[in-house]
Amino acid sequence: MKNNNNINKERVEVMALFGYEMTPCEPLSFKRIGDSRDFEVTDLLQTTVKFAGNVAVHIFDVMVGKTPCRLEFDASHLYWYLTKA
């Protein structure tokens, strides 16, 4: 699903581990909607939280093999987005 505010924003399904050690959430893999392939997250580079009013967006900079990607979790709508691929 494309978003008019950001052409490179695509909704994805994410398998994540919650409550692990010092990282409260860690994405493990993701799948694009309509695609059967799983993309394994090989490295978690950085996590940040951005607030827009009362809405928190959790941002995960990850590596998928040798490709850097950014996954965002919209805590208000409980959606995951791939914002770089």
N, C-alpha and C. Protein backbone atom coordinates (compact mmCIF):
# COMPACT_ATOMS: atom_id res chain seq x y z
N MET A 1 0.84 -1.18 0.00
CA MET A 1 0.00 0.00 0.00
C MET A 1 0.89 1.24 0.00
N LYS A 2 0.67 2.11 -0.92
CA LYS A 2 1.46 3.33 -1.02
C LYS A 2 0.79 4.45 -0.24
N ASN A 3 1.60 5.34 0.28
CA ASN A 3 1.13 6.48 1.03
C ASN A 3 1.49 7.73 0.24
N ASN A 4 0.54 8.65 0.03
CA ASN A 4 0.80 9.85 -0.75
C ASN A 4 1.83 10.77 -0.10
N ASN A 5 1.98 10.70 1.22
CA ASN A 5 2.94 11.56 1.92
C ASN A 5 4.37 11.12 1.67
N ASN A 6 4.58 9.84 1.43
CA ASN A 6 5.92 9.31 1.24
C ASN A 6 5.83 8.18 0.22
N ILE A 7 6.26 8.43 -1.01
CA ILE A 7 6.15 7.46 -2.09
C ILE A 7 6.84 6.14 -1.74
N ASN A 8 7.92 6.17 -0.97
CA ASN A 8 8.68 4.97 -0.65
C ASN A 8 8.16 4.23 0.57
N LYS A 9 6.97 4.54 1.04
CA LYS A 9 6.41 3.90 2.23
C LYS A 9 5.46 2.79 1.80
N GLU A 10 5.76 1.56 2.23
CA GLU A 10 5.00 0.39 1.83
C GLU A 10 4.62 -0.42 3.08
N ARG A 11 3.36 -0.76 3.20
CA ARG A 11 2.93 -1.56 4.34
C ARG A 11 3.45 -2.99 4.18
N VAL A 12 3.97 -3.54 5.28
CA VAL A 12 4.52 -4.90 5.28
C VAL A 12 4.05 -5.65 6.52
N GLU A 13 4.19 -6.97 6.46
CA GLU A 13 3.92 -7.83 7.61
C GLU A 13 5.27 -8.16 8.24
N VAL A 14 5.39 -7.98 9.55
CA VAL A 14 6.67 -8.17 10.23
C VAL A 14 6.55 -9.22 11.32
N MET A 15 7.55 -10.09 11.38
CA MET A 15 7.70 -11.02 12.50
C MET A 15 8.71 -10.37 13.43
N ALA A 16 8.29 -10.11 14.67
CA ALA A 16 9.17 -9.40 15.61
C ALA A 16 9.20 -10.12 16.95
N LEU A 17 10.30 -9.90 17.65
CA LEU A 17 10.49 -10.43 18.99
C LEU A 17 10.31 -9.28 19.97
N PHE A 18 9.40 -9.43 20.91
CA PHE A 18 9.12 -8.37 21.88
C PHE A 18 9.65 -8.75 23.25
N GLY A 19 10.23 -7.76 23.95
CA GLY A 19 10.67 -7.95 25.33
C GLY A 19 11.94 -8.75 25.47
N TYR A 20 12.89 -8.60 24.54
CA TYR A 20 14.13 -9.35 24.58
C TYR A 20 15.25 -8.46 25.11
N GLU A 21 15.80 -8.80 26.27
CA GLU A 21 16.90 -8.09 26.92
C GLU A 21 16.68 -6.58 26.94
N MET A 22 17.64 -5.80 26.43
CA MET A 22 17.54 -4.34 26.49
C MET A 22 16.77 -3.75 25.30
N THR A 23 16.46 -4.57 24.30
CA THR A 23 15.70 -4.10 23.15
C THR A 23 14.26 -4.57 23.31
N PRO A 24 13.31 -3.64 23.54
CA PRO A 24 11.93 -4.06 23.78
C PRO A 24 11.26 -4.67 22.55
N CYS A 25 11.75 -4.36 21.34
CA CYS A 25 11.20 -4.93 20.12
C CYS A 25 12.33 -5.08 19.11
N GLU A 26 12.36 -6.23 18.46
CA GLU A 26 13.38 -6.47 17.44
C GLU A 26 12.73 -7.17 16.24
N PRO A 27 12.67 -6.49 15.08
CA PRO A 27 12.12 -7.15 13.89
C PRO A 27 13.06 -8.25 13.42
N LEU A 28 12.47 -9.42 13.10
CA LEU A 28 13.27 -10.58 12.68
C LEU A 28 13.19 -10.80 11.17
N SER A 29 12.01 -10.56 10.60
CA SER A 29 11.82 -10.72 9.17
C SER A 29 10.57 -9.94 8.76
N PHE A 30 10.44 -9.73 7.45
CA PHE A 30 9.23 -9.08 6.96
C PHE A 30 8.85 -9.65 5.60
N LYS A 31 7.59 -9.43 5.27
CA LYS A 31 7.03 -9.92 4.02
C LYS A 31 6.22 -8.77 3.41
N ARG A 32 6.44 -8.53 2.12
CA ARG A 32 5.64 -7.54 1.41
C ARG A 32 4.25 -8.11 1.16
N ILE A 33 3.25 -7.26 1.22
CA ILE A 33 1.87 -7.68 0.98
C ILE A 33 1.77 -8.23 -0.45
N GLY A 34 1.21 -9.42 -0.60
CA GLY A 34 1.06 -10.04 -1.91
C GLY A 34 2.29 -10.79 -2.39
N ASP A 35 3.33 -10.86 -1.58
CA ASP A 35 4.57 -11.55 -1.94
C ASP A 35 4.79 -12.67 -0.92
N SER A 36 5.10 -13.85 -1.39
CA SER A 36 5.26 -14.98 -0.47
C SER A 36 6.66 -15.06 0.14
N ARG A 37 7.62 -14.26 -0.37
CA ARG A 37 9.00 -14.33 0.13
C ARG A 37 9.14 -13.63 1.49
N ASP A 38 9.91 -14.23 2.37
CA ASP A 38 10.29 -13.61 3.63
C ASP A 38 11.66 -12.98 3.47
N PHE A 39 11.83 -11.77 3.98
CA PHE A 39 13.11 -11.08 3.97
C PHE A 39 13.64 -11.09 5.40
N GLU A 40 14.73 -11.82 5.63
CA GLU A 40 15.28 -11.96 6.97
C GLU A 40 16.13 -10.74 7.33
N VAL A 41 15.87 -10.19 8.50
CA VAL A 41 16.68 -9.10 9.04
C VAL A 41 17.96 -9.72 9.58
N THR A 42 19.09 -9.33 9.00
CA THR A 42 20.37 -9.92 9.40
C THR A 42 21.09 -9.08 10.45
N ASP A 43 20.73 -7.79 10.56
CA ASP A 43 21.38 -6.90 11.52
C ASP A 43 20.43 -5.78 11.92
N LEU A 44 20.36 -5.51 13.20
CA LEU A 44 19.63 -4.36 13.72
C LEU A 44 20.65 -3.26 13.96
N LEU A 45 20.59 -2.19 13.17
CA LEU A 45 21.60 -1.14 13.24
C LEU A 45 21.28 -0.07 14.28
N GLN A 46 20.02 0.38 14.29
CA GLN A 46 19.65 1.49 15.17
C GLN A 46 18.14 1.50 15.36
N THR A 47 17.72 1.92 16.55
CA THR A 47 16.29 2.11 16.81
C THR A 47 16.07 3.51 17.37
N THR A 48 14.99 4.14 16.96
CA THR A 48 14.61 5.45 17.47
C THR A 48 13.09 5.50 17.55
N VAL A 49 12.61 6.48 18.30
CA VAL A 49 11.17 6.71 18.40
C VAL A 49 10.91 8.16 18.02
N LYS A 50 9.94 8.36 17.13
CA LYS A 50 9.55 9.69 16.69
C LYS A 50 8.10 9.92 17.14
N PHE A 51 7.83 11.09 17.70
CA PHE A 51 6.48 11.41 18.15
C PHE A 51 5.86 12.46 17.24
N ALA A 52 4.63 12.22 16.81
CA ALA A 52 3.85 13.18 16.05
C ALA A 52 2.55 13.39 16.84
N GLY A 53 2.55 14.41 17.69
CA GLY A 53 1.42 14.59 18.61
C GLY A 53 1.45 13.49 19.64
N ASN A 54 0.36 12.75 19.76
CA ASN A 54 0.27 11.65 20.73
C ASN A 54 0.63 10.30 20.12
N VAL A 55 1.08 10.29 18.87
CA VAL A 55 1.36 9.04 18.17
C VAL A 55 2.87 8.78 18.15
N ALA A 56 3.26 7.58 18.57
CA ALA A 56 4.66 7.17 18.53
C ALA A 56 4.90 6.30 17.30
N VAL A 57 5.99 6.59 16.59
CA VAL A 57 6.43 5.77 15.47
C VAL A 57 7.81 5.23 15.84
N HIS A 58 7.92 3.92 15.92
CA HIS A 58 9.18 3.27 16.27
C HIS A 58 9.91 2.96 14.97
N ILE A 59 11.15 3.42 14.86
CA ILE A 59 11.92 3.32 13.63
C ILE A 59 13.09 2.37 13.84
N PHE A 60 13.23 1.41 12.94
CA PHE A 60 14.27 0.39 13.01
C PHE A 60 15.09 0.44 11.72
N ASP A 61 16.35 0.82 11.83
CA ASP A 61 17.26 0.73 10.69
C ASP A 61 17.90 -0.65 10.76
N VAL A 62 17.71 -1.43 9.69
CA VAL A 62 18.15 -2.83 9.68
C VAL A 62 18.89 -3.13 8.38
N MET A 63 19.55 -4.26 8.38
CA MET A 63 20.17 -4.80 7.18
C MET A 63 19.44 -6.08 6.81
N VAL A 64 19.16 -6.23 5.53
CA VAL A 64 18.61 -7.46 4.98
C VAL A 64 19.66 -7.96 4.00
N GLY A 65 20.48 -8.86 4.47
CA GLY A 65 21.66 -9.24 3.69
C GLY A 65 22.61 -8.05 3.65
N LYS A 66 22.88 -7.55 2.46
CA LYS A 66 23.73 -6.37 2.31
C LYS A 66 22.94 -5.11 2.00
N THR A 67 21.61 -5.19 2.08
CA THR A 67 20.74 -4.06 1.74
C THR A 67 20.24 -3.37 3.01
N PRO A 68 20.53 -2.07 3.16
CA PRO A 68 19.98 -1.33 4.30
C PRO A 68 18.50 -1.03 4.07
N CYS A 69 17.70 -1.20 5.12
CA CYS A 69 16.27 -0.94 5.07
C CYS A 69 15.84 -0.20 6.33
N ARG A 70 14.70 0.42 6.25
CA ARG A 70 14.11 1.04 7.43
C ARG A 70 12.69 0.50 7.59
N LEU A 71 12.42 -0.03 8.78
CA LEU A 71 11.08 -0.48 9.14
C LEU A 71 10.52 0.48 10.17
N GLU A 72 9.26 0.86 10.01
CA GLU A 72 8.60 1.75 10.97
C GLU A 72 7.35 1.07 11.50
N PHE A 73 7.16 1.18 12.81
CA PHE A 73 5.96 0.64 13.45
C PHE A 73 5.12 1.80 13.96
N ASP A 74 3.92 1.94 13.41
CA ASP A 74 2.97 2.97 13.82
C ASP A 74 2.21 2.42 15.02
N ALA A 75 2.53 2.92 16.21
CA ALA A 75 1.95 2.41 17.45
C ALA A 75 0.47 2.75 17.60
N SER A 76 -0.01 3.73 16.87
CA SER A 76 -1.43 4.11 16.94
C SER A 76 -2.30 3.12 16.16
N HIS A 77 -1.88 2.78 14.95
CA HIS A 77 -2.67 1.90 14.08
C HIS A 77 -2.17 0.45 14.09
N LEU A 78 -1.03 0.22 14.73
CA LEU A 78 -0.40 -1.10 14.83
C LEU A 78 -0.03 -1.65 13.45
N TYR A 79 0.46 -0.76 12.57
CA TYR A 79 0.91 -1.13 11.24
C TYR A 79 2.42 -1.02 11.15
N TRP A 80 3.01 -1.89 10.36
CA TRP A 80 4.43 -1.82 10.02
C TRP A 80 4.57 -1.31 8.60
N TYR A 81 5.60 -0.50 8.36
CA TYR A 81 5.89 0.04 7.03
C TYR A 81 7.37 -0.16 6.71
N LEU A 82 7.64 -0.45 5.44
CA LEU A 82 8.99 -0.45 4.91
C LEU A 82 9.16 0.90 4.23
N THR A 83 10.11 1.71 4.70
CA THR A 83 10.25 3.05 4.15
C THR A 83 11.48 3.20 3.27
N LYS A 84 12.37 2.20 3.26
CA LYS A 84 13.51 2.19 2.35
C LYS A 84 13.70 0.76 1.89
N ALA A 85 14.00 0.60 0.62
CA ALA A 85 14.27 -0.75 0.11
C ALA A 85 15.28 -0.70 -1.00
